[in-house]
Amino acid sequence: MTTVPTELNLHRQSRVLEIAYPDGSRYSLPCEYLRVYSPSAEVQGHGPGQEVLQVGKEDVGIDRIEPVGNYAVCLHFDDEHNTGIYSWDHLYRLCTQQEQLWQTYLDHLEQTGYQRKSRSS
């Protein structure tokens, strides 16, 4: 069953997308997190094992959110990435598994030797 959000609120200054659901749950997803887990082929590849680790996205923001039918949104990032279609199911997964997915991302960065920079304000 697809969980459709009741609200999407973009906080540009803090670079956070706040998502609310019918059960009253609310999630705050940083733009960087949304960008590095974009469902686009550029990020996910064209099959298992072809994922491309995204680096240098600490300061990325979202310029606009565009609805895609009744099933998804397209997030237009300020680094010109806009090819990911975030289905409601994908967004919900990013919300409910945020801690685990973020740690996996940080672990992958560490394995490559990449040092995240402090986000500028």
PDB file of N, CA and C in Angstrom:
ATOM      1  N   MET A   1       0.834  -1.187   0.000  1.00  0.00           N
ATOM      2  CA  MET A   1       0.000   0.000   0.000  1.00  0.00           C
ATOM      3  C   MET A   1       0.881   1.253   0.000  1.00  0.00           C
ATOM      4  N   THR A   2       0.589   2.165  -0.881  1.00  0.00           N
ATOM      5  CA  THR A   2       1.362   3.396  -0.992  1.00  0.00           C
ATOM      6  C   THR A   2       0.946   4.383   0.089  1.00  0.00           C
ATOM      7  N   THR A   3       1.919   4.989   0.724  1.00  0.00           N
ATOM      8  CA  THR A   3       1.659   6.018   1.718  1.00  0.00           C
ATOM      9  C   THR A   3       1.902   7.375   1.075  1.00  0.00           C
ATOM     10  N   VAL A   4       0.818   8.120   0.883  1.00  0.00           N
ATOM     11  CA  VAL A   4       0.890   9.425   0.229  1.00  0.00           C
ATOM     12  C   VAL A   4       1.031  10.511   1.290  1.00  0.00           C
ATOM     13  N   PRO A   5       2.022  11.381   1.148  1.00  0.00           N
ATOM     14  CA  PRO A   5       2.181  12.450   2.136  1.00  0.00           C
ATOM     15  C   PRO A   5       1.010  13.434   2.100  1.00  0.00           C
ATOM     16  N   THR A   6       0.738  14.008   3.254  1.00  0.00           N
ATOM     17  CA  THR A   6      -0.292  15.053   3.326  1.00  0.00           C
ATOM     18  C   THR A   6       0.329  16.433   3.159  1.00  0.00           C
ATOM     19  N   GLU A   7       1.628  16.548   3.415  1.00  0.00           N
ATOM     20  CA  GLU A   7       2.333  17.837   3.285  1.00  0.00           C
ATOM     21  C   GLU A   7       3.769  17.609   2.849  1.00  0.00           C
ATOM     22  N   LEU A   8       4.259  18.523   2.016  1.00  0.00           N
ATOM     23  CA  LEU A   8       5.679  18.629   1.684  1.00  0.00           C
ATOM     24  C   LEU A   8       6.032  20.095   1.889  1.00  0.00           C
ATOM     25  N   ASN A   9       6.885  20.380   2.846  1.00  0.00           N
ATOM     26  CA  ASN A   9       7.282  21.755   3.138  1.00  0.00           C
ATOM     27  C   ASN A   9       8.790  21.891   2.990  1.00  0.00           C
ATOM     28  N   LEU A  10       9.187  22.712   2.041  1.00  0.00           N
ATOM     29  CA  LEU A  10      10.612  22.941   1.807  1.00  0.00           C
ATOM     30  C   LEU A  10      11.079  24.125   2.632  1.00  0.00           C
ATOM     31  N   HIS A  11      12.096  23.889   3.438  1.00  0.00           N
ATOM     32  CA  HIS A  11      12.723  24.948   4.239  1.00  0.00           C
ATOM     33  C   HIS A  11      14.063  25.249   3.563  1.00  0.00           C
ATOM     34  N   ARG A  12      14.054  26.271   2.733  1.00  0.00           N
ATOM     35  CA  ARG A  12      15.225  26.572   1.897  1.00  0.00           C
ATOM     36  C   ARG A  12      16.466  26.923   2.707  1.00  0.00           C
ATOM     37  N   GLN A  13      16.311  27.763   3.720  1.00  0.00           N
ATOM     38  CA  GLN A  13      17.478  28.209   4.470  1.00  0.00           C
ATOM     39  C   GLN A  13      18.174  27.055   5.185  1.00  0.00           C
ATOM     40  N   SER A  14      17.402  26.177   5.792  1.00  0.00           N
ATOM     41  CA  SER A  14      18.007  25.039   6.503  1.00  0.00           C
ATOM     42  C   SER A  14      18.228  23.841   5.586  1.00  0.00           C
ATOM     43  N   ARG A  15      17.765  23.950   4.323  1.00  0.00           N
ATOM     44  CA  ARG A  15      17.928  22.885   3.324  1.00  0.00           C
ATOM     45  C   ARG A  15      17.342  21.562   3.814  1.00  0.00           C
ATOM     46  N   VAL A  16      16.076  21.637   4.211  1.00  0.00           N
ATOM     47  CA  VAL A  16      15.370  20.469   4.730  1.00  0.00           C
ATOM     48  C   VAL A  16      13.990  20.399   4.079  1.00  0.00           C
ATOM     49  N   LEU A  17      13.595  19.188   3.711  1.00  0.00           N
ATOM     50  CA  LEU A  17      12.242  18.943   3.229  1.00  0.00           C
ATOM     51  C   LEU A  17      11.493  18.230   4.338  1.00  0.00           C
ATOM     52  N   GLU A  18      10.445  18.865   4.810  1.00  0.00           N
ATOM     53  CA  GLU A  18       9.624  18.283   5.869  1.00  0.00           C
ATOM     54  C   GLU A  18       8.441  17.585   5.205  1.00  0.00           C
ATOM     55  N   ILE A  19       8.208  16.341   5.619  1.00  0.00           N
ATOM     56  CA  ILE A  19       7.154  15.526   5.025  1.00  0.00           C
ATOM     57  C   ILE A  19       6.233  15.035   6.133  1.00  0.00           C
ATOM     58  N   ALA A  20       4.920  15.234   5.939  1.00  0.00           N
ATOM     59  CA  ALA A  20       3.930  14.772   6.909  1.00  0.00           C
ATOM     60  C   ALA A  20       3.051  13.705   6.263  1.00  0.00           C
ATOM     61  N   TYR A  21       2.596  12.769   7.086  1.00  0.00           N
ATOM     62  CA  TYR A  21       1.766  11.659   6.622  1.00  0.00           C
ATOM     63  C   TYR A  21       0.440  11.627   7.375  1.00  0.00           C
ATOM     64  N   PRO A  22      -0.560  10.938   6.805  1.00  0.00           N
ATOM     65  CA  PRO A  22      -1.902  10.907   7.404  1.00  0.00           C
ATOM     66  C   PRO A  22      -1.936  10.409   8.851  1.00  0.00           C
ATOM     67  N   ASP A  23      -0.986   9.559   9.241  1.00  0.00           N
ATOM     68  CA  ASP A  23      -0.985   9.037  10.614  1.00  0.00           C
ATOM     69  C   ASP A  23      -0.406  10.025  11.619  1.00  0.00           C
ATOM     70  N   GLY A  24      -0.047  11.224  11.138  1.00  0.00           N
ATOM     71  CA  GLY A  24       0.504  12.248  12.023  1.00  0.00           C
ATOM     72  C   GLY A  24       2.023  12.246  12.092  1.00  0.00           C
ATOM     73  N   SER A  25       2.671  11.263  11.486  1.00  0.00           N
ATOM     74  CA  SER A  25       4.130  11.229  11.511  1.00  0.00           C
ATOM     75  C   SER A  25       4.698  12.328  10.609  1.00  0.00           C
ATOM     76  N   ARG A  26       5.830  12.865  11.042  1.00  0.00           N
ATOM     77  CA  ARG A  26       6.518  13.930  10.305  1.00  0.00           C
ATOM     78  C   ARG A  26       7.997  13.580  10.255  1.00  0.00           C
ATOM     79  N   TYR A  27       8.598  13.884   9.119  1.00  0.00           N
ATOM     80  CA  TYR A  27      10.019  13.605   8.926  1.00  0.00           C
ATOM     81  C   TYR A  27      10.679  14.849   8.351  1.00  0.00           C
ATOM     82  N   SER A  28      11.924  15.065   8.727  1.00  0.00           N
ATOM     83  CA  SER A  28      12.722  16.162   8.194  1.00  0.00           C
ATOM     84  C   SER A  28      13.913  15.557   7.472  1.00  0.00           C
ATOM     85  N   LEU A  29      13.910  15.690   6.138  1.00  0.00           N
ATOM     86  CA  LEU A  29      14.963  15.091   5.330  1.00  0.00           C
ATOM     87  C   LEU A  29      15.859  16.176   4.757  1.00  0.00           C
ATOM     88  N   PRO A  30      17.150  16.158   5.096  1.00  0.00           N
ATOM     89  CA  PRO A  30      18.080  17.136   4.520  1.00  0.00           C
ATOM     90  C   PRO A  30      18.161  16.978   3.002  1.00  0.00           C
ATOM     91  N   CYS A  31      18.337  18.078   2.310  1.00  0.00           N
ATOM     92  CA  CYS A  31      18.466  18.050   0.857  1.00  0.00           C
ATOM     93  C   CYS A  31      19.633  17.166   0.422  1.00  0.00           C
ATOM     94  N   GLU A  32      20.721  17.213   1.162  1.00  0.00           N
ATOM     95  CA  GLU A  32      21.874  16.365   0.828  1.00  0.00           C
ATOM     96  C   GLU A  32      21.465  14.896   0.817  1.00  0.00           C
ATOM     97  N   TYR A  33      20.743  14.463   1.815  1.00  0.00           N
ATOM     98  CA  TYR A  33      20.276  13.078   1.910  1.00  0.00           C
ATOM     99  C   TYR A  33      19.390  12.721   0.720  1.00  0.00           C
ATOM    100  N   LEU A  34      18.457  13.609   0.392  1.00  0.00           N
ATOM    101  CA  LEU A  34      17.577  13.362  -0.755  1.00  0.00           C
ATOM    102  C   LEU A  34      18.376  13.295  -2.054  1.00  0.00           C
ATOM    103  N   ARG A  35      19.385  14.130  -2.172  1.00  0.00           N
ATOM    104  CA  ARG A  35      20.194  14.173  -3.398  1.00  0.00           C
ATOM    105  C   ARG A  35      21.035  12.907  -3.555  1.00  0.00           C
ATOM    106  N   VAL A  36      21.657  12.447  -2.469  1.00  0.00           N
ATOM    107  CA  VAL A  36      22.534  11.279  -2.590  1.00  0.00           C
ATOM    108  C   VAL A  36      21.742   9.981  -2.722  1.00  0.00           C
ATOM    109  N   TYR A  37      20.452  10.019  -2.384  1.00  0.00           N
ATOM    110  CA  TYR A  37      19.584   8.855  -2.583  1.00  0.00           C
ATOM    111  C   TYR A  37      18.554   9.116  -3.681  1.00  0.00           C
ATOM    112  N   SER A  38      18.917   9.945  -4.642  1.00  0.00           N
ATOM    113  CA  SER A  38      18.046  10.181  -5.793  1.00  0.00           C
ATOM    114  C   SER A  38      17.775   8.853  -6.504  1.00  0.00           C
ATOM    115  N   PRO A  39      16.533   8.638  -6.920  1.00  0.00           N
ATOM    116  CA  PRO A  39      16.222   7.406  -7.649  1.00  0.00           C
ATOM    117  C   PRO A  39      16.627   7.452  -9.121  1.00  0.00           C
ATOM    118  N   SER A  40      17.355   8.474  -9.528  1.00  0.00           N
ATOM    119  CA  SER A  40      17.754   8.620 -10.930  1.00  0.00           C
ATOM    120  C   SER A  40      18.785   7.571 -11.340  1.00  0.00           C
ATOM    121  N   ALA A  41      18.851   7.307 -12.629  1.00  0.00           N
ATOM    122  CA  ALA A  41      19.860   6.379 -13.166  1.00  0.00           C
ATOM    123  C   ALA A  41      21.265   6.937 -12.945  1.00  0.00           C
ATOM    124  N   GLU A  42      21.400   8.251 -12.927  1.00  0.00           N
ATOM    125  CA  GLU A  42      22.704   8.887 -12.689  1.00  0.00           C
ATOM    126  C   GLU A  42      23.273   8.467 -11.330  1.00  0.00           C
ATOM    127  N   VAL A  43      22.397   8.270 -10.353  1.00  0.00           N
ATOM    128  CA  VAL A  43      22.812   7.895  -9.007  1.00  0.00           C
ATOM    129  C   VAL A  43      22.708   6.383  -8.805  1.00  0.00           C
ATOM    130  N   GLN A  44      21.606   5.794  -9.209  1.00  0.00           N
ATOM    131  CA  GLN A  44      21.334   4.382  -8.954  1.00  0.00           C
ATOM    132  C   GLN A  44      21.946   3.447  -9.985  1.00  0.00           C
ATOM    133  N   GLY A  45      22.344   3.987 -11.130  1.00  0.00           N
ATOM    134  CA  GLY A  45      22.827   3.135 -12.202  1.00  0.00           C
ATOM    135  C   GLY A  45      21.664   2.466 -12.906  1.00  0.00           C
ATOM    136  N   HIS A  46      21.973   1.514 -13.745  1.00  0.00           N
ATOM    137  CA  HIS A  46      20.927   0.833 -14.513  1.00  0.00           C
ATOM    138  C   HIS A  46      20.688  -0.590 -14.026  1.00  0.00           C
ATOM    139  N   GLY A  47      21.255  -0.920 -12.879  1.00  0.00           N
ATOM    140  CA  GLY A  47      21.051  -2.245 -12.316  1.00  0.00           C
ATOM    141  C   GLY A  47      21.804  -2.379 -11.009  1.00  0.00           C
ATOM    142  N   PRO A  48      21.564  -3.464 -10.292  1.00  0.00           N
ATOM    143  CA  PRO A  48      22.238  -3.693  -9.011  1.00  0.00           C
ATOM    144  C   PRO A  48      23.762  -3.632  -9.158  1.00  0.00           C
ATOM    145  N   GLY A  49      24.403  -2.963  -8.194  1.00  0.00           N
ATOM    146  CA  GLY A  49      25.847  -2.863  -8.209  1.00  0.00           C
ATOM    147  C   GLY A  49      26.392  -1.736  -9.065  1.00  0.00           C
ATOM    148  N   GLN A  50      25.520  -0.970  -9.712  1.00  0.00           N
ATOM    149  CA  GLN A  50      25.961   0.124 -10.576  1.00  0.00           C
ATOM    150  C   GLN A  50      25.741   1.496  -9.939  1.00  0.00           C
ATOM    151  N   GLU A  51      25.433   1.522  -8.647  1.00  0.00           N
ATOM    152  CA  GLU A  51      25.203   2.780  -7.960  1.00  0.00           C
ATOM    153  C   GLU A  51      26.452   3.649  -8.021  1.00  0.00           C
ATOM    154  N   VAL A  52      26.258   4.960  -8.104  1.00  0.00           N
ATOM    155  CA  VAL A  52      27.364   5.912  -8.161  1.00  0.00           C
ATOM    156  C   VAL A  52      27.347   6.726  -6.874  1.00  0.00           C
ATOM    157  N   LEU A  53      28.396   6.588  -6.063  1.00  0.00           N
ATOM    158  CA  LEU A  53      28.488   7.323  -4.810  1.00  0.00           C
ATOM    159  C   LEU A  53      28.554   8.818  -5.095  1.00  0.00           C
ATOM    160  N   GLN A  54      27.678   9.568  -4.477  1.00  0.00           N
ATOM    161  CA  GLN A  54      27.619  11.015  -4.664  1.00  0.00           C
ATOM    162  C   GLN A  54      28.463  11.687  -3.586  1.00  0.00           C
ATOM    163  N   VAL A  55      29.371  12.549  -3.997  1.00  0.00           N
ATOM    164  CA  VAL A  55      30.215  13.271  -3.044  1.00  0.00           C
ATOM    165  C   VAL A  55      30.091  14.764  -3.307  1.00  0.00           C
ATOM    166  N   GLY A  56      30.410  15.555  -2.290  1.00  0.00           N
ATOM    167  CA  GLY A  56      30.396  17.004  -2.445  1.00  0.00           C
ATOM    168  C   GLY A  56      29.006  17.603  -2.492  1.00  0.00           C
ATOM    169  N   LYS A  57      28.044  16.963  -1.874  1.00  0.00           N
ATOM    170  CA  LYS A  57      26.653  17.443  -1.925  1.00  0.00           C
ATOM    171  C   LYS A  57      26.211  18.077  -0.604  1.00  0.00           C
ATOM    172  N   GLU A  58      27.165  18.404   0.253  1.00  0.00           N
ATOM    173  CA  GLU A  58      26.844  18.937   1.574  1.00  0.00           C
ATOM    174  C   GLU A  58      26.013  20.224   1.522  1.00  0.00           C
ATOM    175  N   ASP A  59      26.228  21.058   0.510  1.00  0.00           N
ATOM    176  CA  ASP A  59      25.542  22.345   0.438  1.00  0.00           C
ATOM    177  C   ASP A  59      24.414  22.385  -0.592  1.00  0.00           C
ATOM    178  N   VAL A  60      24.024  21.226  -1.106  1.00  0.00           N
ATOM    179  CA  VAL A  60      22.987  21.216  -2.136  1.00  0.00           C
ATOM    180  C   VAL A  60      21.640  21.630  -1.537  1.00  0.00           C
ATOM    181  N   GLY A  61      20.865  22.316  -2.345  1.00  0.00           N
ATOM    182  CA  GLY A  61      19.516  22.708  -1.955  1.00  0.00           C
ATOM    183  C   GLY A  61      18.531  22.285  -3.026  1.00  0.00           C
ATOM    184  N   ILE A  62      17.273  22.515  -2.739  1.00  0.00           N
ATOM    185  CA  ILE A  62      16.222  22.223  -3.705  1.00  0.00           C
ATOM    186  C   ILE A  62      15.646  23.549  -4.175  1.00  0.00           C
ATOM    187  N   ASP A  63      15.608  23.735  -5.493  1.00  0.00           N
ATOM    188  CA  ASP A  63      15.032  24.943  -6.081  1.00  0.00           C
ATOM    189  C   ASP A  63      13.515  24.865  -6.171  1.00  0.00           C
ATOM    190  N   ARG A  64      13.011  23.685  -6.567  1.00  0.00           N
ATOM    191  CA  ARG A  64      11.563  23.540  -6.676  1.00  0.00           C
ATOM    192  C   ARG A  64      11.171  22.077  -6.650  1.00  0.00           C
ATOM    193  N   ILE A  65       9.904  21.867  -6.346  1.00  0.00           N
ATOM    194  CA  ILE A  65       9.319  20.534  -6.282  1.00  0.00           C
ATOM    195  C   ILE A  65       8.191  20.498  -7.297  1.00  0.00           C
ATOM    196  N   GLU A  66       8.264  19.530  -8.189  1.00  0.00           N
ATOM    197  CA  GLU A  66       7.277  19.440  -9.267  1.00  0.00           C
ATOM    198  C   GLU A  66       6.485  18.132  -9.130  1.00  0.00           C
ATOM    199  N   PRO A  67       5.153  18.210  -9.080  1.00  0.00           N
ATOM    200  CA  PRO A  67       4.362  16.976  -9.013  1.00  0.00           C
ATOM    201  C   PRO A  67       4.518  16.156 -10.285  1.00  0.00           C
ATOM    202  N   VAL A  68       4.492  14.842 -10.132  1.00  0.00           N
ATOM    203  CA  VAL A  68       4.510  13.921 -11.266  1.00  0.00           C
ATOM    204  C   VAL A  68       3.263  13.051 -11.108  1.00  0.00           C
ATOM    205  N   GLY A  69       2.225  13.394 -11.845  1.00  0.00           N
ATOM    206  CA  GLY A  69       0.961  12.678 -11.702  1.00  0.00           C
ATOM    207  C   GLY A  69       0.495  12.696 -10.267  1.00  0.00           C
ATOM    208  N   ASN A  70      -0.117  11.598  -9.847  1.00  0.00           N
ATOM    209  CA  ASN A  70      -0.579  11.460  -8.463  1.00  0.00           C
ATOM    210  C   ASN A  70       0.297  10.501  -7.672  1.00  0.00           C
ATOM    211  N   TYR A  71       1.484  10.195  -8.218  1.00  0.00           N
ATOM    212  CA  TYR A  71       2.274   9.135  -7.608  1.00  0.00           C
ATOM    213  C   TYR A  71       3.685   9.534  -7.198  1.00  0.00           C
ATOM    214  N   ALA A  72       4.103  10.773  -7.497  1.00  0.00           N
ATOM    215  CA  ALA A  72       5.505  11.118  -7.241  1.00  0.00           C
ATOM    216  C   ALA A  72       5.731  12.619  -7.338  1.00  0.00           C
ATOM    217  N   VAL A  73       6.967  13.010  -7.028  1.00  0.00           N
ATOM    218  CA  VAL A  73       7.437  14.376  -7.252  1.00  0.00           C
ATOM    219  C   VAL A  73       8.827  14.309  -7.879  1.00  0.00           C
ATOM    220  N   CYS A  74       9.150  15.350  -8.599  1.00  0.00           N
ATOM    221  CA  CYS A  74      10.503  15.520  -9.122  1.00  0.00           C
ATOM    222  C   CYS A  74      11.122  16.665  -8.339  1.00  0.00           C
ATOM    223  N   LEU A  75      12.260  16.410  -7.725  1.00  0.00           N
ATOM    224  CA  LEU A  75      12.967  17.437  -6.968  1.00  0.00           C
ATOM    225  C   LEU A  75      14.025  18.056  -7.875  1.00  0.00           C
ATOM    226  N   HIS A  76      13.979  19.359  -8.007  1.00  0.00           N
ATOM    227  CA  HIS A  76      14.946  20.094  -8.821  1.00  0.00           C
ATOM    228  C   HIS A  76      15.986  20.689  -7.876  1.00  0.00           C
ATOM    229  N   PHE A  77      17.172  20.094  -7.880  1.00  0.00           N
ATOM    230  CA  PHE A  77      18.245  20.519  -6.988  1.00  0.00           C
ATOM    231  C   PHE A  77      19.021  21.674  -7.609  1.00  0.00           C
ATOM    232  N   ASP A  78      19.661  22.473  -6.763  1.00  0.00           N
ATOM    233  CA  ASP A  78      20.391  23.641  -7.268  1.00  0.00           C
ATOM    234  C   ASP A  78      21.738  23.283  -7.884  1.00  0.00           C
ATOM    235  N   ASP A  79      22.089  21.989  -7.896  1.00  0.00           N
ATOM    236  CA  ASP A  79      23.283  21.565  -8.643  1.00  0.00           C
ATOM    237  C   ASP A  79      22.877  21.064 -10.034  1.00  0.00           C
ATOM    238  N   GLU A  80      21.653  21.399 -10.421  1.00  0.00           N
ATOM    239  CA  GLU A  80      21.066  21.102 -11.731  1.00  0.00           C
ATOM    240  C   GLU A  80      20.641  19.646 -11.892  1.00  0.00           C
ATOM    241  N   HIS A  81      20.662  18.870 -10.830  1.00  0.00           N
ATOM    242  CA  HIS A  81      20.162  17.492 -10.899  1.00  0.00           C
ATOM    243  C   HIS A  81      18.645  17.539 -10.776  1.00  0.00           C
ATOM    244  N   ASN A  82      17.952  16.956 -11.744  1.00  0.00           N
ATOM    245  CA  ASN A  82      16.489  16.951 -11.692  1.00  0.00           C
ATOM    246  C   ASN A  82      15.878  15.745 -12.414  1.00  0.00           C
ATOM    247  N   THR A  83      16.627  14.664 -12.501  1.00  0.00           N
ATOM    248  CA  THR A  83      16.140  13.517 -13.254  1.00  0.00           C
ATOM    249  C   THR A  83      15.570  12.407 -12.377  1.00  0.00           C
ATOM    250  N   GLY A  84      15.561  12.589 -11.081  1.00  0.00           N
ATOM    251  CA  GLY A  84      15.011  11.564 -10.200  1.00  0.00           C
ATOM    252  C   GLY A  84      13.530  11.781  -9.959  1.00  0.00           C
ATOM    253  N   ILE A  85      12.744  10.737 -10.166  1.00  0.00           N
ATOM    254  CA  ILE A  85      11.318  10.779  -9.865  1.00  0.00           C
ATOM    255  C   ILE A  85      11.133  10.072  -8.519  1.00  0.00           C
ATOM    256  N   TYR A  86      10.781  10.841  -7.511  1.00  0.00           N
ATOM    257  CA  TYR A  86      10.626  10.330  -6.152  1.00  0.00           C
ATOM    258  C   TYR A  86       9.193   9.856  -5.970  1.00  0.00           C
ATOM    259  N   SER A  87       8.968   8.550  -6.170  1.00  0.00           N
ATOM    260  CA  SER A  87       7.627   7.990  -5.961  1.00  0.00           C
ATOM    261  C   SER A  87       7.281   8.126  -4.479  1.00  0.00           C
ATOM    262  N   TRP A  88       5.985   8.049  -4.183  1.00  0.00           N
ATOM    263  CA  TRP A  88       5.577   8.130  -2.772  1.00  0.00           C
ATOM    264  C   TRP A  88       6.220   7.004  -1.978  1.00  0.00           C
ATOM    265  N   ASP A  89       6.320   5.809  -2.578  1.00  0.00           N
ATOM    266  CA  ASP A  89       6.940   4.681  -1.876  1.00  0.00           C
ATOM    267  C   ASP A  89       8.419   4.950  -1.585  1.00  0.00           C
ATOM    268  N   HIS A  90       9.136   5.520  -2.576  1.00  0.00           N
ATOM    269  CA  HIS A  90      10.561   5.821  -2.379  1.00  0.00           C
ATOM    270  C   HIS A  90      10.739   6.867  -1.276  1.00  0.00           C
ATOM    271  N   LEU A  91       9.925   7.914  -1.306  1.00  0.00           N
ATOM    272  CA  LEU A  91      10.014   8.952  -0.266  1.00  0.00           C
ATOM    273  C   LEU A  91       9.734   8.368   1.116  1.00  0.00           C
ATOM    274  N   TYR A  92       8.711   7.530   1.204  1.00  0.00           N
ATOM    275  CA  TYR A  92       8.373   6.939   2.500  1.00  0.00           C
ATOM    276  C   TYR A  92       9.520   6.069   3.012  1.00  0.00           C
ATOM    277  N   ARG A  93      10.143   5.316   2.109  1.00  0.00           N
ATOM    278  CA  ARG A  93      11.306   4.501   2.487  1.00  0.00           C
ATOM    279  C   ARG A  93      12.432   5.398   2.988  1.00  0.00           C
ATOM    280  N   LEU A  94      12.682   6.518   2.300  1.00  0.00           N
ATOM    281  CA  LEU A  94      13.726   7.442   2.746  1.00  0.00           C
ATOM    282  C   LEU A  94      13.396   8.013   4.118  1.00  0.00           C
ATOM    283  N   CYS A  95      12.120   8.215   4.395  1.00  0.00           N
ATOM    284  CA  CYS A  95      11.704   8.727   5.706  1.00  0.00           C
ATOM    285  C   CYS A  95      11.910   7.684   6.794  1.00  0.00           C
ATOM    286  N   THR A  96      11.360   6.517   6.576  1.00  0.00           N
ATOM    287  CA  THR A  96      11.334   5.507   7.638  1.00  0.00           C
ATOM    288  C   THR A  96      12.670   4.802   7.852  1.00  0.00           C
ATOM    289  N   GLN A  97      13.546   4.877   6.853  1.00  0.00           N
ATOM    290  CA  GLN A  97      14.856   4.231   6.988  1.00  0.00           C
ATOM    291  C   GLN A  97      15.997   5.252   6.991  1.00  0.00           C
ATOM    292  N   GLN A  98      15.680   6.487   7.344  1.00  0.00           N
ATOM    293  CA  GLN A  98      16.660   7.569   7.253  1.00  0.00           C
ATOM    294  C   GLN A  98      17.934   7.280   8.036  1.00  0.00           C
ATOM    295  N   GLU A  99      17.815   6.864   9.259  1.00  0.00           N
ATOM    296  CA  GLU A  99      19.010   6.655  10.087  1.00  0.00           C
ATOM    297  C   GLU A  99      19.922   5.594   9.471  1.00  0.00           C
ATOM    298  N   GLN A 100      19.347   4.466   9.089  1.00  0.00           N
ATOM    299  CA  GLN A 100      20.125   3.365   8.504  1.00  0.00           C
ATOM    300  C   GLN A 100      20.732   3.765   7.159  1.00  0.00           C
ATOM    301  N   LEU A 101      19.948   4.391   6.283  1.00  0.00           N
ATOM    302  CA  LEU A 101      20.450   4.776   4.962  1.00  0.00           C
ATOM    303  C   LEU A 101      21.541   5.839   5.067  1.00  0.00           C
ATOM    304  N   TRP A 102      21.360   6.797   5.969  1.00  0.00           N
ATOM    305  CA  TRP A 102      22.368   7.849   6.134  1.00  0.00           C
ATOM    306  C   TRP A 102      23.683   7.250   6.624  1.00  0.00           C
ATOM    307  N   GLN A 103      23.601   6.318   7.581  1.00  0.00           N
ATOM    308  CA  GLN A 103      24.814   5.684   8.086  1.00  0.00           C
ATOM    309  C   GLN A 103      25.498   4.879   6.987  1.00  0.00           C
ATOM    310  N   THR A 104      24.726   4.210   6.161  1.00  0.00           N
ATOM    311  CA  THR A 104      25.297   3.461   5.036  1.00  0.00           C
ATOM    312  C   THR A 104      26.044   4.403   4.101  1.00  0.00           C
ATOM    313  N   TYR A 105      25.448   5.552   3.824  1.00  0.00           N
ATOM    314  CA  TYR A 105      26.093   6.559   2.967  1.00  0.00           C
ATOM    315  C   TYR A 105      27.406   7.039   3.600  1.00  0.00           C
ATOM    316  N   LEU A 106      27.367   7.380   4.887  1.00  0.00           N
ATOM    317  CA  LEU A 106      28.581   7.841   5.569  1.00  0.00           C
ATOM    318  C   LEU A 106      29.657   6.757   5.568  1.00  0.00           C
ATOM    319  N   ASP A 107      29.259   5.501   5.747  1.00  0.00           N
ATOM    320  CA  ASP A 107      30.214   4.390   5.711  1.00  0.00           C
ATOM    321  C   ASP A 107      30.867   4.283   4.334  1.00  0.00           C
ATOM    322  N   HIS A 108      30.074   4.435   3.275  1.00  0.00           N
ATOM    323  CA  HIS A 108      30.628   4.372   1.915  1.00  0.00           C
ATOM    324  C   HIS A 108      31.611   5.514   1.671  1.00  0.00           C
ATOM    325  N   LEU A 109      31.264   6.709   2.166  1.00  0.00           N
ATOM    326  CA  LEU A 109      32.195   7.840   2.023  1.00  0.00           C
ATOM    327  C   LEU A 109      33.509   7.532   2.731  1.00  0.00           C
ATOM    328  N   GLU A 110      33.407   7.009   3.939  1.00  0.00           N
ATOM    329  CA  GLU A 110      34.613   6.699   4.720  1.00  0.00           C
ATOM    330  C   GLU A 110      35.473   5.664   4.003  1.00  0.00           C
ATOM    331  N   GLN A 111      34.845   4.655   3.416  1.00  0.00           N
ATOM    332  CA  GLN A 111      35.573   3.603   2.703  1.00  0.00           C
ATOM    333  C   GLN A 111      36.361   4.162   1.517  1.00  0.00           C
ATOM    334  N   THR A 112      35.864   5.244   0.923  1.00  0.00           N
ATOM    335  CA  THR A 112      36.564   5.843  -0.220  1.00  0.00           C
ATOM    336  C   THR A 112      37.583   6.888   0.220  1.00  0.00           C
ATOM    337  N   GLY A 113      37.572   7.225   1.514  1.00  0.00           N
ATOM    338  CA  GLY A 113      38.500   8.231   2.008  1.00  0.00           C
ATOM    339  C   GLY A 113      37.987   9.657   1.864  1.00  0.00           C
ATOM    340  N   TYR A 114      36.743   9.821   1.442  1.00  0.00           N
ATOM    341  CA  TYR A 114      36.184  11.170   1.282  1.00  0.00           C
ATOM    342  C   TYR A 114      35.839  11.752   2.647  1.00  0.00           C
ATOM    343  N   GLN A 115      36.247  12.991   2.870  1.00  0.00           N
ATOM    344  CA  GLN A 115      35.935  13.702   4.111  1.00  0.00           C
ATOM    345  C   GLN A 115      34.841  14.728   3.831  1.00  0.00           C
ATOM    346  N   ARG A 116      33.687  14.549   4.461  1.00  0.00           N
ATOM    347  CA  ARG A 116      32.606  15.532   4.286  1.00  0.00           C
ATOM    348  C   ARG A 116      33.063  16.857   4.867  1.00  0.00           C
ATOM    349  N   LYS A 117      32.745  17.930   4.171  1.00  0.00           N
ATOM    350  CA  LYS A 117      33.067  19.248   4.696  1.00  0.00           C
ATOM    351  C   LYS A 117      31.919  19.737   5.549  1.00  0.00           C
ATOM    352  N   SER A 118      32.211  20.646   6.452  1.00  0.00           N
ATOM    353  CA  SER A 118      31.157  21.247   7.267  1.00  0.00           C
ATOM    354  C   SER A 118      30.261  22.063   6.363  1.00  0.00           C
ATOM    355  N   ARG A 119      28.984  21.924   6.572  1.00  0.00           N
ATOM    356  CA  ARG A 119      28.018  22.657   5.743  1.00  0.00           C
ATOM    357  C   ARG A 119      28.117  24.143   6.037  1.00  0.00           C
ATOM    358  N   SER A 120      28.110  24.932   4.982  1.00  0.00           N
ATOM    359  CA  SER A 120      28.133  26.396   5.187  1.00  0.00           C
ATOM    360  C   SER A 120      26.732  26.863   5.504  1.00  0.00           C
ATOM    361  N   SER A 121      26.641  27.968   6.187  1.00  0.00           N
ATOM    362  CA  SER A 121      25.321  28.488   6.571  1.00  0.00           C
ATOM    363  C   SER A 121      24.812  29.486   5.593  1.00  0.00           C
TER     364      SER A 121
END
